[in-house]
């Protein structure tokens, strides 16, 4: 199974592998200076963060919503910096590790009641991971994990007021969840996910469903799935081309 490991030790190991690759490569090419924003300082900060997170997981208790949300903001900012350094050093073979790291930590925080203000890494990570899945059960499981993160998003992100940004993480994550649900070929999951999409991204529904119908052409899609997609497409028709 390609499901994620949501234990903090496993997530820390992913980050450590990427961080070590960054340190090794930067030692060769000297892309980043070793100052307060360099790889060594980031490695130290990440070590401290994961120690705190591991202690919280071991305590197995309810968390103050404000404090766990603040820790989520801090941790995700560190991982954003790690991702930036990895990309800048062109460590492309570590992209899946970065994707798993972001998706897993987002779920980890969601399960502890954090409000997520930063979905950038999770949206990209889930999208990349889902592209590598074909098994319906794995796709359905991934869809469920994405829902946990979406539900944990801050109210500000969920209001989705800045629609000028086409690649905004809230939109990317929700649309990718819709695609993952469709690919699972589970009519009940598809209907449930589409119903949520109508509330979260109503302006995107016509285009999303039109794309879904086009992608089904020539594919071996069960009748039950086609019926669900067609029913929603009738409710949300795409505008006629001029």
C-alpha atoms as a PDB file:
ATOM      1  CA  UNK A   1       0.000   0.000   0.000  1.00  0.00           C
ATOM      2  CA  UNK A   2       1.175   3.531  -0.779  1.00  0.00           C
ATOM      3  CA  UNK A   3      -0.684   5.075   2.131  1.00  0.00           C
ATOM      4  CA  UNK A   4       1.088   7.608   4.315  1.00  0.00           C
ATOM      5  CA  UNK A   5       2.715   6.929   7.662  1.00  0.00           C
ATOM      6  CA  UNK A   6       1.334   9.609   9.987  1.00  0.00           C
ATOM      7  CA  UNK A   7       3.635   8.834  12.912  1.00  0.00           C
ATOM      8  CA  UNK A   8       5.936  11.743  13.763  1.00  0.00           C
ATOM      9  CA  UNK A   9       9.067   9.566  13.750  1.00  0.00           C
ATOM     10  CA  UNK A  10       8.370   8.534  10.154  1.00  0.00           C
ATOM     11  CA  UNK A  11       7.715  12.135   9.114  1.00  0.00           C
ATOM     12  CA  UNK A  12      10.885  13.259  10.867  1.00  0.00           C
ATOM     13  CA  UNK A  13      12.841  10.594   8.972  1.00  0.00           C
ATOM     14  CA  UNK A  14      11.534  11.937   5.648  1.00  0.00           C
ATOM     15  CA  UNK A  15      12.600  15.459   6.576  1.00  0.00           C
ATOM     16  CA  UNK A  16      15.984  14.195   7.762  1.00  0.00           C
ATOM     17  CA  UNK A  17      16.643  12.471   4.443  1.00  0.00           C
ATOM     18  CA  UNK A  18      15.836  15.630   2.497  1.00  0.00           C
ATOM     19  CA  UNK A  19      17.774  17.824   4.924  1.00  0.00           C
ATOM     20  CA  UNK A  20      20.861  15.601   4.680  1.00  0.00           C
ATOM     21  CA  UNK A  21      20.714  15.729   0.892  1.00  0.00           C
ATOM     22  CA  UNK A  22      20.488  19.529   1.052  1.00  0.00           C
ATOM     23  CA  UNK A  23      23.463  19.735   3.426  1.00  0.00           C
ATOM     24  CA  UNK A  24      25.555  17.410   1.256  1.00  0.00           C
ATOM     25  CA  UNK A  25      24.759  19.182  -2.000  1.00  0.00           C
ATOM     26  CA  UNK A  26      25.197  22.650  -0.562  1.00  0.00           C
ATOM     27  CA  UNK A  27      28.571  21.616   0.786  1.00  0.00           C
ATOM     28  CA  UNK A  28      29.574  20.927  -2.810  1.00  0.00           C
ATOM     29  CA  UNK A  29      28.066  23.879  -4.637  1.00  0.00           C
ATOM     30  CA  UNK A  30      27.851  26.534  -1.899  1.00  0.00           C
ATOM     31  CA  UNK A  31      24.447  27.702  -3.105  1.00  0.00           C
ATOM     32  CA  UNK A  32      23.383  28.913   0.363  1.00  0.00           C
ATOM     33  CA  UNK A  33      25.544  30.806   2.835  1.00  0.00           C
ATOM     34  CA  UNK A  34      25.842  29.297   6.291  1.00  0.00           C
ATOM     35  CA  UNK A  35      24.056  32.085   8.128  1.00  0.00           C
ATOM     36  CA  UNK A  36      20.853  32.172  10.160  1.00  0.00           C
ATOM     37  CA  UNK A  37      18.829  31.262   7.072  1.00  0.00           C
ATOM     38  CA  UNK A  38      21.193  28.602   5.722  1.00  0.00           C
ATOM     39  CA  UNK A  39      20.892  24.814   5.753  1.00  0.00           C
ATOM     40  CA  UNK A  40      22.715  24.235   9.033  1.00  0.00           C
ATOM     41  CA  UNK A  41      20.484  26.659  10.918  1.00  0.00           C
ATOM     42  CA  UNK A  42      17.432  25.081   9.294  1.00  0.00           C
ATOM     43  CA  UNK A  43      18.600  21.592  10.264  1.00  0.00           C
ATOM     44  CA  UNK A  44      18.892  22.683  13.882  1.00  0.00           C
ATOM     45  CA  UNK A  45      15.452  24.294  13.863  1.00  0.00           C
ATOM     46  CA  UNK A  46      13.877  21.203  12.307  1.00  0.00           C
ATOM     47  CA  UNK A  47      15.516  18.976  14.909  1.00  0.00           C
ATOM     48  CA  UNK A  48      14.016  21.106  17.683  1.00  0.00           C
ATOM     49  CA  UNK A  49      10.608  21.140  16.006  1.00  0.00           C
ATOM     50  CA  UNK A  50      10.424  17.372  15.617  1.00  0.00           C
ATOM     51  CA  UNK A  51      11.542  16.854  19.216  1.00  0.00           C
ATOM     52  CA  UNK A  52       8.639  19.021  20.359  1.00  0.00           C
ATOM     53  CA  UNK A  53       6.217  17.230  18.041  1.00  0.00           C
ATOM     54  CA  UNK A  54       7.420  13.810  19.215  1.00  0.00           C
ATOM     55  CA  UNK A  55       6.917  14.830  22.842  1.00  0.00           C
ATOM     56  CA  UNK A  56       3.389  15.983  22.059  1.00  0.00           C
ATOM     57  CA  UNK A  57       2.601  12.720  20.278  1.00  0.00           C
ATOM     58  CA  UNK A  58       3.972  10.703  23.210  1.00  0.00           C
ATOM     59  CA  UNK A  59       1.863  12.700  25.673  1.00  0.00           C
ATOM     60  CA  UNK A  60      -1.289  11.604  23.822  1.00  0.00           C
ATOM     61  CA  UNK A  61      -3.465  14.341  25.274  1.00  0.00           C
ATOM     62  CA  UNK A  62      -5.779  17.081  24.062  1.00  0.00           C
ATOM     63  CA  UNK A  63      -4.022  20.175  22.805  1.00  0.00           C
ATOM     64  CA  UNK A  64      -4.782  23.836  23.175  1.00  0.00           C
ATOM     65  CA  UNK A  65      -6.104  24.814  19.695  1.00  0.00           C
ATOM     66  CA  UNK A  66      -4.135  28.042  19.606  1.00  0.00           C
ATOM     67  CA  UNK A  67      -0.859  26.439  20.620  1.00  0.00           C
ATOM     68  CA  UNK A  68      -1.077  23.476  18.255  1.00  0.00           C
ATOM     69  CA  UNK A  69      -2.056  25.815  15.405  1.00  0.00           C
ATOM     70  CA  UNK A  70       0.920  28.040  16.187  1.00  0.00           C
ATOM     71  CA  UNK A  71       3.213  25.002  16.150  1.00  0.00           C
ATOM     72  CA  UNK A  72       1.709  23.969  12.805  1.00  0.00           C
ATOM     73  CA  UNK A  73       2.431  27.403  11.339  1.00  0.00           C
ATOM     74  CA  UNK A  74       6.020  27.180  12.563  1.00  0.00           C
ATOM     75  CA  UNK A  75       6.617  23.607  11.402  1.00  0.00           C
ATOM     76  CA  UNK A  76       5.116  24.154   7.971  1.00  0.00           C
ATOM     77  CA  UNK A  77       7.200  27.295   7.532  1.00  0.00           C
ATOM     78  CA  UNK A  78      10.345  25.273   8.278  1.00  0.00           C
ATOM     79  CA  UNK A  79       9.322  22.595   5.792  1.00  0.00           C
ATOM     80  CA  UNK A  80       8.610  25.282   3.183  1.00  0.00           C
ATOM     81  CA  UNK A  81      12.171  26.497   3.658  1.00  0.00           C
ATOM     82  CA  UNK A  82      13.489  22.959   3.330  1.00  0.00           C
ATOM     83  CA  UNK A  83      11.483  22.440   0.152  1.00  0.00           C
ATOM     84  CA  UNK A  84      12.792  25.712  -1.289  1.00  0.00           C
ATOM     85  CA  UNK A  85      16.386  24.765  -0.572  1.00  0.00           C
ATOM     86  CA  UNK A  86      15.877  21.301  -2.044  1.00  0.00           C
ATOM     87  CA  UNK A  87      14.402  22.760  -5.238  1.00  0.00           C
ATOM     88  CA  UNK A  88      17.105  25.414  -5.487  1.00  0.00           C
ATOM     89  CA  UNK A  89      19.734  22.680  -5.321  1.00  0.00           C
ATOM     90  CA  UNK A  90      17.799  20.719  -7.976  1.00  0.00           C
ATOM     91  CA  UNK A  91      17.408  17.615  -5.811  1.00  0.00           C
ATOM     92  CA  UNK A  92      14.641  16.297  -8.040  1.00  0.00           C
ATOM     93  CA  UNK A  93      14.957  12.691  -6.894  1.00  0.00           C
ATOM     94  CA  UNK A  94      13.771  13.803  -3.452  1.00  0.00           C
ATOM     95  CA  UNK A  95      10.491  15.281  -4.670  1.00  0.00           C
ATOM     96  CA  UNK A  96       8.430  12.296  -3.533  1.00  0.00           C
ATOM     97  CA  UNK A  97      10.006  12.436  -0.080  1.00  0.00           C
ATOM     98  CA  UNK A  98       9.087  16.128   0.126  1.00  0.00           C
ATOM     99  CA  UNK A  99       5.545  15.338  -1.016  1.00  0.00           C
ATOM    100  CA  UNK A 100       5.127  12.610   1.603  1.00  0.00           C
ATOM    101  CA  UNK A 101       6.614  14.860   4.260  1.00  0.00           C
ATOM    102  CA  UNK A 102       4.138  17.690   3.602  1.00  0.00           C
ATOM    103  CA  UNK A 103       1.051  15.509   3.207  1.00  0.00           C
ATOM    104  CA  UNK A 104       1.860  13.498   6.319  1.00  0.00           C
ATOM    105  CA  UNK A 105       2.595  16.446   8.598  1.00  0.00           C
ATOM    106  CA  UNK A 106      -0.592  18.194   7.476  1.00  0.00           C
ATOM    107  CA  UNK A 107      -2.653  15.141   8.438  1.00  0.00           C
ATOM    108  CA  UNK A 108      -0.698  14.803  11.703  1.00  0.00           C
ATOM    109  CA  UNK A 109      -1.606  18.350  12.700  1.00  0.00           C
ATOM    110  CA  UNK A 110      -5.187  18.020  11.460  1.00  0.00           C
ATOM    111  CA  UNK A 111      -5.696  15.012  13.740  1.00  0.00           C
ATOM    112  CA  UNK A 112      -4.567  17.090  16.709  1.00  0.00           C
ATOM    113  CA  UNK A 113      -7.009  19.909  16.112  1.00  0.00           C
ATOM    114  CA  UNK A 114      -4.677  22.424  14.485  1.00  0.00           C
ATOM    115  CA  UNK A 115      -6.064  25.120  12.234  1.00  0.00           C
ATOM    116  CA  UNK A 116      -3.951  25.097   9.085  1.00  0.00           C
ATOM    117  CA  UNK A 117      -3.123  28.458   7.569  1.00  0.00           C
ATOM    118  CA  UNK A 118      -0.597  27.090   5.089  1.00  0.00           C
ATOM    119  CA  UNK A 119      -1.725  24.458   2.577  1.00  0.00           C
ATOM    120  CA  UNK A 120       0.914  25.116  -0.077  1.00  0.00           C
ATOM    121  CA  UNK A 121       3.115  22.094   0.548  1.00  0.00           C
ATOM    122  CA  UNK A 122       0.210  19.771   1.318  1.00  0.00           C
ATOM    123  CA  UNK A 123      -1.677  20.713  -1.846  1.00  0.00           C
ATOM    124  CA  UNK A 124       1.345  20.083  -4.043  1.00  0.00           C
ATOM    125  CA  UNK A 125       2.330  16.972  -2.104  1.00  0.00           C
ATOM    126  CA  UNK A 126      -1.052  15.289  -2.269  1.00  0.00           C
ATOM    127  CA  UNK A 127      -1.321  16.066  -5.973  1.00  0.00           C
ATOM    128  CA  UNK A 128       2.055  14.551  -6.755  1.00  0.00           C
ATOM    129  CA  UNK A 129       1.408  11.437  -4.640  1.00  0.00           C
ATOM    130  CA  UNK A 130      -2.060  10.866  -6.085  1.00  0.00           C
ATOM    131  CA  UNK A 131      -0.671  10.970  -9.621  1.00  0.00           C
ATOM    132  CA  UNK A 132       1.320   7.843  -8.799  1.00  0.00           C
ATOM    133  CA  UNK A 133      -1.685   5.853  -7.573  1.00  0.00           C
ATOM    134  CA  UNK A 134      -3.934   3.571  -9.608  1.00  0.00           C
ATOM    135  CA  UNK A 135      -5.388   1.139  -7.074  1.00  0.00           C
ATOM    136  CA  UNK A 136      -8.985   2.171  -6.203  1.00  0.00           C
ATOM    137  CA  UNK A 137      -8.541   1.373  -2.508  1.00  0.00           C
ATOM    138  CA  UNK A 138      -5.377   3.466  -2.289  1.00  0.00           C
ATOM    139  CA  UNK A 139      -7.066   6.331  -4.122  1.00  0.00           C
ATOM    140  CA  UNK A 140     -10.036   6.181  -1.756  1.00  0.00           C
ATOM    141  CA  UNK A 141      -7.695   6.190   1.258  1.00  0.00           C
ATOM    142  CA  UNK A 142      -5.802   9.179  -0.148  1.00  0.00           C
ATOM    143  CA  UNK A 143      -9.087  10.994  -0.695  1.00  0.00           C
ATOM    144  CA  UNK A 144      -9.919  10.509   2.984  1.00  0.00           C
ATOM    145  CA  UNK A 145      -6.567  11.924   4.096  1.00  0.00           C
ATOM    146  CA  UNK A 146      -7.041  14.934   1.854  1.00  0.00           C
ATOM    147  CA  UNK A 147     -10.441  15.510   3.433  1.00  0.00           C
ATOM    148  CA  UNK A 148      -8.880  15.596   6.902  1.00  0.00           C
ATOM    149  CA  UNK A 149      -6.536  18.372   5.798  1.00  0.00           C
ATOM    150  CA  UNK A 150      -9.264  20.300   3.990  1.00  0.00           C
ATOM    151  CA  UNK A 151     -11.440  20.174   7.093  1.00  0.00           C
ATOM    152  CA  UNK A 152      -8.537  21.551   9.150  1.00  0.00           C
ATOM    153  CA  UNK A 153      -7.980  24.555   6.871  1.00  0.00           C
ATOM    154  CA  UNK A 154      -8.475  27.955   8.440  1.00  0.00           C
ATOM    155  CA  UNK A 155     -11.749  29.792   7.930  1.00  0.00           C
ATOM    156  CA  UNK A 156      -9.880  32.443   5.958  1.00  0.00           C
ATOM    157  CA  UNK A 157      -8.623  29.889   3.430  1.00  0.00           C
ATOM    158  CA  UNK A 158     -12.018  28.180   3.243  1.00  0.00           C
ATOM    159  CA  UNK A 159     -13.745  31.463   2.366  1.00  0.00           C
ATOM    160  CA  UNK A 160     -11.687  31.379  -0.837  1.00  0.00           C
ATOM    161  CA  UNK A 161     -12.054  35.087  -1.456  1.00  0.00           C
ATOM    162  CA  UNK A 162      -8.976  35.591  -3.659  1.00  0.00           C
ATOM    163  CA  UNK A 163     -10.155  33.807  -6.796  1.00  0.00           C
ATOM    164  CA  UNK A 164      -7.716  35.667  -9.029  1.00  0.00           C
ATOM    165  CA  UNK A 165      -4.951  33.236  -7.991  1.00  0.00           C
ATOM    166  CA  UNK A 166      -5.586  30.196 -10.184  1.00  0.00           C
ATOM    167  CA  UNK A 167      -3.102  27.973  -8.325  1.00  0.00           C
ATOM    168  CA  UNK A 168      -4.156  28.913  -4.802  1.00  0.00           C
ATOM    169  CA  UNK A 169      -3.615  25.883  -2.540  1.00  0.00           C
ATOM    170  CA  UNK A 170      -7.225  25.687  -1.318  1.00  0.00           C
ATOM    171  CA  UNK A 171      -8.451  25.343  -4.897  1.00  0.00           C
ATOM    172  CA  UNK A 172      -5.695  22.931  -5.949  1.00  0.00           C
ATOM    173  CA  UNK A 173      -6.252  20.650  -2.955  1.00  0.00           C
ATOM    174  CA  UNK A 174     -10.020  20.498  -3.386  1.00  0.00           C
ATOM    175  CA  UNK A 175      -9.937  19.940  -7.134  1.00  0.00           C
ATOM    176  CA  UNK A 176      -7.293  17.253  -6.754  1.00  0.00           C
ATOM    177  CA  UNK A 177      -9.467  15.564  -4.159  1.00  0.00           C
ATOM    178  CA  UNK A 178     -12.323  15.558  -6.671  1.00  0.00           C
ATOM    179  CA  UNK A 179     -10.057  13.970  -9.275  1.00  0.00           C
ATOM    180  CA  UNK A 180      -8.817  11.360  -6.796  1.00  0.00           C
ATOM    181  CA  UNK A 181     -12.381  10.486  -5.793  1.00  0.00           C
ATOM    182  CA  UNK A 182     -13.382  10.094  -9.446  1.00  0.00           C
ATOM    183  CA  UNK A 183     -10.406   7.850 -10.174  1.00  0.00           C
ATOM    184  CA  UNK A 184     -11.334   5.631  -7.207  1.00  0.00           C
ATOM    185  CA  UNK A 185     -14.413   4.547  -9.211  1.00  0.00           C
ATOM    186  CA  UNK A 186     -16.409   4.467  -5.963  1.00  0.00           C
ATOM    187  CA  UNK A 187     -19.816   6.028  -6.760  1.00  0.00           C
ATOM    188  CA  UNK A 188     -20.612   6.786  -3.123  1.00  0.00           C
ATOM    189  CA  UNK A 189     -17.249   8.464  -2.512  1.00  0.00           C
ATOM    190  CA  UNK A 190     -17.528  10.401  -5.759  1.00  0.00           C
ATOM    191  CA  UNK A 191     -20.977  11.719  -4.853  1.00  0.00           C
ATOM    192  CA  UNK A 192     -19.861  12.650  -1.349  1.00  0.00           C
ATOM    193  CA  UNK A 193     -16.785  14.485  -2.646  1.00  0.00           C
ATOM    194  CA  UNK A 194     -18.692  16.256  -5.409  1.00  0.00           C
ATOM    195  CA  UNK A 195     -21.281  17.432  -2.909  1.00  0.00           C
ATOM    196  CA  UNK A 196     -18.505  18.968  -0.819  1.00  0.00           C
ATOM    197  CA  UNK A 197     -16.991  20.575  -3.916  1.00  0.00           C
ATOM    198  CA  UNK A 198     -20.283  22.278  -4.726  1.00  0.00           C
ATOM    199  CA  UNK A 199     -20.023  24.099  -1.403  1.00  0.00           C
ATOM    200  CA  UNK A 200     -16.291  24.766  -1.428  1.00  0.00           C
ATOM    201  CA  UNK A 201     -15.654  25.643  -5.086  1.00  0.00           C
ATOM    202  CA  UNK A 202     -19.024  26.337  -6.731  1.00  0.00           C
ATOM    203  CA  UNK A 203     -17.467  28.551  -9.410  1.00  0.00           C
ATOM    204  CA  UNK A 204     -15.197  25.714 -10.533  1.00  0.00           C
ATOM    205  CA  UNK A 205     -17.842  23.008 -10.755  1.00  0.00           C
ATOM    206  CA  UNK A 206     -18.866  23.485 -14.429  1.00  0.00           C
ATOM    207  CA  UNK A 207     -15.289  23.298 -15.698  1.00  0.00           C
ATOM    208  CA  UNK A 208     -14.332  20.489 -13.340  1.00  0.00           C
ATOM    209  CA  UNK A 209     -17.271  18.330 -14.395  1.00  0.00           C
ATOM    210  CA  UNK A 210     -16.818  19.090 -18.086  1.00  0.00           C
ATOM    211  CA  UNK A 211     -13.206  17.925 -17.789  1.00  0.00           C
ATOM    212  CA  UNK A 212     -14.371  14.822 -15.928  1.00  0.00           C
ATOM    213  CA  UNK A 213     -16.780  13.895 -18.697  1.00  0.00           C
ATOM    214  CA  UNK A 214     -14.113  14.409 -21.364  1.00  0.00           C
ATOM    215  CA  UNK A 215     -11.655  12.234 -19.464  1.00  0.00           C
ATOM    216  CA  UNK A 216     -14.175   9.382 -19.306  1.00  0.00           C
ATOM    217  CA  UNK A 217     -14.449   9.164 -23.079  1.00  0.00           C
ATOM    218  CA  UNK A 218     -12.885   5.933 -24.278  1.00  0.00           C
ATOM    219  CA  UNK A 219     -12.180   4.773 -20.729  1.00  0.00           C
ATOM    220  CA  UNK A 220     -13.570   1.652 -19.096  1.00  0.00           C
ATOM    221  CA  UNK A 221     -15.638   3.554 -16.528  1.00  0.00           C
ATOM    222  CA  UNK A 222     -18.437   1.698 -14.697  1.00  0.00           C
ATOM    223  CA  UNK A 223     -21.966   2.827 -15.519  1.00  0.00           C
ATOM    224  CA  UNK A 224     -22.599   3.781 -11.888  1.00  0.00           C
ATOM    225  CA  UNK A 225     -19.685   6.219 -11.978  1.00  0.00           C
ATOM    226  CA  UNK A 226     -20.757   7.728 -15.301  1.00  0.00           C
ATOM    227  CA  UNK A 227     -24.236   8.259 -13.912  1.00  0.00           C
ATOM    228  CA  UNK A 228     -22.933  10.221 -10.935  1.00  0.00           C
ATOM    229  CA  UNK A 229     -20.663  12.407 -13.072  1.00  0.00           C
ATOM    230  CA  UNK A 230     -23.385  13.018 -15.655  1.00  0.00           C
ATOM    231  CA  UNK A 231     -25.937  13.891 -12.984  1.00  0.00           C
ATOM    232  CA  UNK A 232     -23.698  16.550 -11.479  1.00  0.00           C
ATOM    233  CA  UNK A 233     -22.711  17.821 -14.921  1.00  0.00           C
ATOM    234  CA  UNK A 234     -26.390  18.397 -15.662  1.00  0.00           C
ATOM    235  CA  UNK A 235     -26.719  20.395 -12.460  1.00  0.00           C
ATOM    236  CA  UNK A 236     -23.602  22.434 -13.253  1.00  0.00           C
ATOM    237  CA  UNK A 237     -23.483  22.801 -17.047  1.00  0.00           C
ATOM    238  CA  UNK A 238     -20.466  24.432 -18.648  1.00  0.00           C
ATOM    239  CA  UNK A 239     -21.188  27.767 -20.352  1.00  0.00           C
ATOM    240  CA  UNK A 240     -21.740  27.593 -24.087  1.00  0.00           C
ATOM    241  CA  UNK A 241     -18.756  28.622 -26.187  1.00  0.00           C
ATOM    242  CA  UNK A 242     -19.246  31.787 -28.261  1.00  0.00           C
END
